[in-house]
Amino acid sequence: MNLEKIRYFFVKHGFNVSTRLADKSGIPVNNVRLFFIYASFVTLGASFILYLLLAFALRIKDLFYKKRPSVFDL
């Protein structure tokens, strides 16, 4: 295969995903691209917020449940 054919293959099947989706669904390309950008921010933000909530819950749990010394620690 020639280098141009390889490049054309990747442009057609990889890089123009949002254009092809917009053409098939009949909506503007800018809206599809904005959707992908917003979706990526939401998924990254949701995982970070979940991490912070779990860390906060563990911190609260440690405040209420104190470790009792074991018999073997004496």
N, C-alpha and C. Protein backbone atom coordinates (compact mmCIF):
# COMPACT_ATOMS: atom_id res chain seq x y z
N MET A 1 0.83 -1.20 0.00
CA MET A 1 0.00 0.00 0.00
C MET A 1 0.86 1.24 0.00
N ASN A 2 0.37 2.17 -0.62
CA ASN A 2 1.00 3.46 -0.74
C ASN A 2 0.69 4.29 0.51
N LEU A 3 1.54 5.23 0.84
CA LEU A 3 1.36 6.04 2.04
C LEU A 3 0.09 6.89 1.98
N GLU A 4 -0.27 7.36 0.81
CA GLU A 4 -1.51 8.14 0.66
C GLU A 4 -2.74 7.28 0.93
N LYS A 5 -2.72 6.03 0.53
CA LYS A 5 -3.85 5.13 0.78
C LYS A 5 -4.01 4.87 2.27
N ILE A 6 -2.89 4.70 2.97
CA ILE A 6 -2.93 4.48 4.42
C ILE A 6 -3.48 5.72 5.11
N ARG A 7 -3.00 6.90 4.69
CA ARG A 7 -3.49 8.15 5.27
C ARG A 7 -4.98 8.34 5.00
N TYR A 8 -5.40 8.05 3.79
CA TYR A 8 -6.81 8.19 3.44
C TYR A 8 -7.67 7.23 4.28
N PHE A 9 -7.17 6.03 4.50
CA PHE A 9 -7.91 5.05 5.31
C PHE A 9 -8.14 5.58 6.72
N PHE A 10 -7.09 6.12 7.33
CA PHE A 10 -7.22 6.62 8.70
C PHE A 10 -8.07 7.88 8.76
N VAL A 11 -7.98 8.74 7.75
CA VAL A 11 -8.81 9.94 7.73
C VAL A 11 -10.27 9.55 7.59
N LYS A 12 -10.55 8.59 6.72
CA LYS A 12 -11.93 8.20 6.47
C LYS A 12 -12.53 7.44 7.65
N HIS A 13 -11.77 6.54 8.26
CA HIS A 13 -12.32 5.68 9.31
C HIS A 13 -12.00 6.11 10.73
N GLY A 14 -11.09 7.01 10.92
CA GLY A 14 -10.71 7.38 12.27
C GLY A 14 -10.94 8.83 12.63
N PHE A 15 -10.49 9.72 11.80
CA PHE A 15 -10.49 11.13 12.16
C PHE A 15 -11.81 11.82 11.88
N ASN A 16 -12.61 11.31 10.99
CA ASN A 16 -13.85 11.97 10.62
C ASN A 16 -15.06 11.32 11.28
N VAL A 17 -14.91 10.86 12.48
CA VAL A 17 -16.01 10.19 13.17
C VAL A 17 -17.15 11.16 13.43
N SER A 18 -16.84 12.34 13.92
CA SER A 18 -17.91 13.29 14.22
C SER A 18 -18.61 13.76 12.95
N THR A 19 -17.86 13.93 11.87
CA THR A 19 -18.47 14.34 10.61
C THR A 19 -19.41 13.27 10.08
N ARG A 20 -18.97 12.02 10.15
CA ARG A 20 -19.81 10.93 9.66
C ARG A 20 -21.06 10.76 10.52
N LEU A 21 -20.91 10.91 11.84
CA LEU A 21 -22.08 10.82 12.73
C LEU A 21 -23.07 11.95 12.44
N ALA A 22 -22.55 13.15 12.21
CA ALA A 22 -23.42 14.29 11.93
C ALA A 22 -24.14 14.11 10.60
N ASP A 23 -23.44 13.58 9.61
CA ASP A 23 -24.08 13.35 8.31
C ASP A 23 -25.19 12.31 8.41
N LYS A 24 -24.95 11.25 9.16
CA LYS A 24 -25.96 10.19 9.28
C LYS A 24 -27.17 10.64 10.10
N SER A 25 -26.94 11.46 11.13
CA SER A 25 -28.06 11.87 11.99
C SER A 25 -28.72 13.17 11.54
N GLY A 26 -28.08 13.91 10.64
CA GLY A 26 -28.68 15.13 10.12
C GLY A 26 -28.58 16.34 11.03
N ILE A 27 -27.58 16.37 11.91
CA ILE A 27 -27.37 17.53 12.78
C ILE A 27 -26.03 18.16 12.43
N PRO A 28 -25.82 19.42 12.81
CA PRO A 28 -24.55 20.08 12.48
C PRO A 28 -23.35 19.42 13.17
N VAL A 29 -22.21 19.47 12.49
CA VAL A 29 -20.99 18.85 13.00
C VAL A 29 -20.54 19.50 14.30
N ASN A 30 -20.72 20.81 14.41
CA ASN A 30 -20.29 21.52 15.62
C ASN A 30 -21.02 21.00 16.86
N ASN A 31 -22.29 20.66 16.71
CA ASN A 31 -23.04 20.13 17.86
C ASN A 31 -22.52 18.77 18.28
N VAL A 32 -22.15 17.95 17.32
CA VAL A 32 -21.60 16.62 17.65
C VAL A 32 -20.27 16.76 18.35
N ARG A 33 -19.43 17.66 17.86
CA ARG A 33 -18.12 17.86 18.49
C ARG A 33 -18.26 18.43 19.90
N LEU A 34 -19.19 19.37 20.08
CA LEU A 34 -19.42 19.92 21.42
C LEU A 34 -19.95 18.85 22.37
N PHE A 35 -20.80 17.96 21.85
CA PHE A 35 -21.29 16.87 22.69
C PHE A 35 -20.14 16.00 23.18
N PHE A 36 -19.21 15.64 22.29
CA PHE A 36 -18.07 14.82 22.70
C PHE A 36 -17.19 15.54 23.71
N ILE A 37 -17.00 16.84 23.53
CA ILE A 37 -16.18 17.61 24.47
C ILE A 37 -16.85 17.66 25.84
N TYR A 38 -18.14 17.98 25.86
CA TYR A 38 -18.86 18.05 27.14
C TYR A 38 -18.94 16.68 27.81
N ALA A 39 -19.15 15.64 27.03
CA ALA A 39 -19.23 14.28 27.60
C ALA A 39 -17.90 13.88 28.22
N SER A 40 -16.78 14.27 27.61
CA SER A 40 -15.48 13.92 28.19
C SER A 40 -15.26 14.68 29.49
N PHE A 41 -15.66 15.95 29.56
CA PHE A 41 -15.52 16.69 30.81
C PHE A 41 -16.42 16.12 31.91
N VAL A 42 -17.62 15.72 31.55
CA VAL A 42 -18.54 15.16 32.54
C VAL A 42 -18.01 13.85 33.09
N THR A 43 -17.50 12.98 32.22
CA THR A 43 -17.01 11.69 32.70
C THR A 43 -15.76 11.85 33.56
N LEU A 44 -14.87 12.75 33.18
CA LEU A 44 -13.69 12.99 34.01
C LEU A 44 -14.08 13.64 35.33
N GLY A 45 -14.97 14.60 35.28
CA GLY A 45 -15.40 15.28 36.49
C GLY A 45 -16.16 14.37 37.43
N ALA A 46 -16.99 13.48 36.87
CA ALA A 46 -17.78 12.57 37.71
C ALA A 46 -16.88 11.61 38.46
N SER A 47 -15.84 11.10 37.81
CA SER A 47 -14.95 10.17 38.51
C SER A 47 -14.16 10.88 39.60
N PHE A 48 -13.74 12.12 39.35
CA PHE A 48 -13.00 12.87 40.37
C PHE A 48 -13.90 13.21 41.55
N ILE A 49 -15.14 13.59 41.29
CA ILE A 49 -16.08 13.89 42.37
C ILE A 49 -16.40 12.63 43.18
N LEU A 50 -16.55 11.50 42.51
CA LEU A 50 -16.77 10.24 43.21
C LEU A 50 -15.58 9.90 44.11
N TYR A 51 -14.37 10.13 43.63
CA TYR A 51 -13.17 9.90 44.44
C TYR A 51 -13.17 10.79 45.68
N LEU A 52 -13.51 12.05 45.51
CA LEU A 52 -13.54 12.96 46.66
C LEU A 52 -14.62 12.58 47.66
N LEU A 53 -15.77 12.14 47.18
CA LEU A 53 -16.85 11.72 48.09
C LEU A 53 -16.45 10.47 48.88
N LEU A 54 -15.81 9.52 48.23
CA LEU A 54 -15.37 8.32 48.94
C LEU A 54 -14.29 8.64 49.98
N ALA A 55 -13.37 9.52 49.62
CA ALA A 55 -12.34 9.93 50.58
C ALA A 55 -12.96 10.64 51.78
N PHE A 56 -13.95 11.48 51.53
CA PHE A 56 -14.64 12.17 52.61
C PHE A 56 -15.39 11.19 53.50
N ALA A 57 -16.05 10.20 52.90
CA ALA A 57 -16.80 9.20 53.67
C ALA A 57 -15.86 8.37 54.54
N LEU A 58 -14.70 8.01 54.02
CA LEU A 58 -13.74 7.26 54.83
C LEU A 58 -13.20 8.10 55.98
N ARG A 59 -13.02 9.37 55.72
CA ARG A 59 -12.54 10.27 56.78
C ARG A 59 -13.58 10.40 57.89
N ILE A 60 -14.85 10.53 57.53
CA ILE A 60 -15.93 10.61 58.52
C ILE A 60 -16.04 9.30 59.29
N LYS A 61 -15.90 8.17 58.59
CA LYS A 61 -15.97 6.87 59.25
C LYS A 61 -14.86 6.75 60.30
N ASP A 62 -13.66 7.21 59.96
CA ASP A 62 -12.55 7.12 60.90
C ASP A 62 -12.77 8.01 62.13
N LEU A 63 -13.52 9.09 61.97
CA LEU A 63 -13.79 9.95 63.11
C LEU A 63 -14.76 9.30 64.10
N PHE A 64 -15.70 8.52 63.60
CA PHE A 64 -16.72 7.92 64.46
C PHE A 64 -16.30 6.56 65.03
N TYR A 65 -15.59 5.80 64.28
CA TYR A 65 -15.18 4.46 64.73
C TYR A 65 -13.71 4.47 65.06
N LYS A 66 -13.42 4.51 66.35
CA LYS A 66 -12.04 4.48 66.80
C LYS A 66 -11.58 3.04 66.90
N LYS A 67 -10.31 2.82 66.60
CA LYS A 67 -9.76 1.48 66.75
C LYS A 67 -9.51 1.22 68.22
N ARG A 68 -10.00 0.11 68.68
CA ARG A 68 -9.75 -0.26 70.05
C ARG A 68 -8.42 -1.03 70.14
N PRO A 69 -7.69 -0.79 71.18
CA PRO A 69 -6.42 -1.54 71.29
C PRO A 69 -6.69 -3.03 71.51
N SER A 70 -5.91 -3.81 70.85
CA SER A 70 -6.05 -5.26 70.94
C SER A 70 -5.37 -5.74 72.23
N VAL A 71 -5.73 -6.92 72.65
CA VAL A 71 -5.09 -7.53 73.82
C VAL A 71 -3.61 -7.78 73.54
N PHE A 72 -3.31 -8.06 72.31
CA PHE A 72 -1.92 -8.37 71.94
C PHE A 72 -1.05 -7.12 71.84
N ASP A 73 -1.66 -5.92 71.82
CA ASP A 73 -0.90 -4.70 71.72
C ASP A 73 -0.36 -4.25 73.08
N LEU A 74 -0.83 -4.83 74.16
CA LEU A 74 -0.41 -4.40 75.49
C LEU A 74 0.97 -4.83 75.75
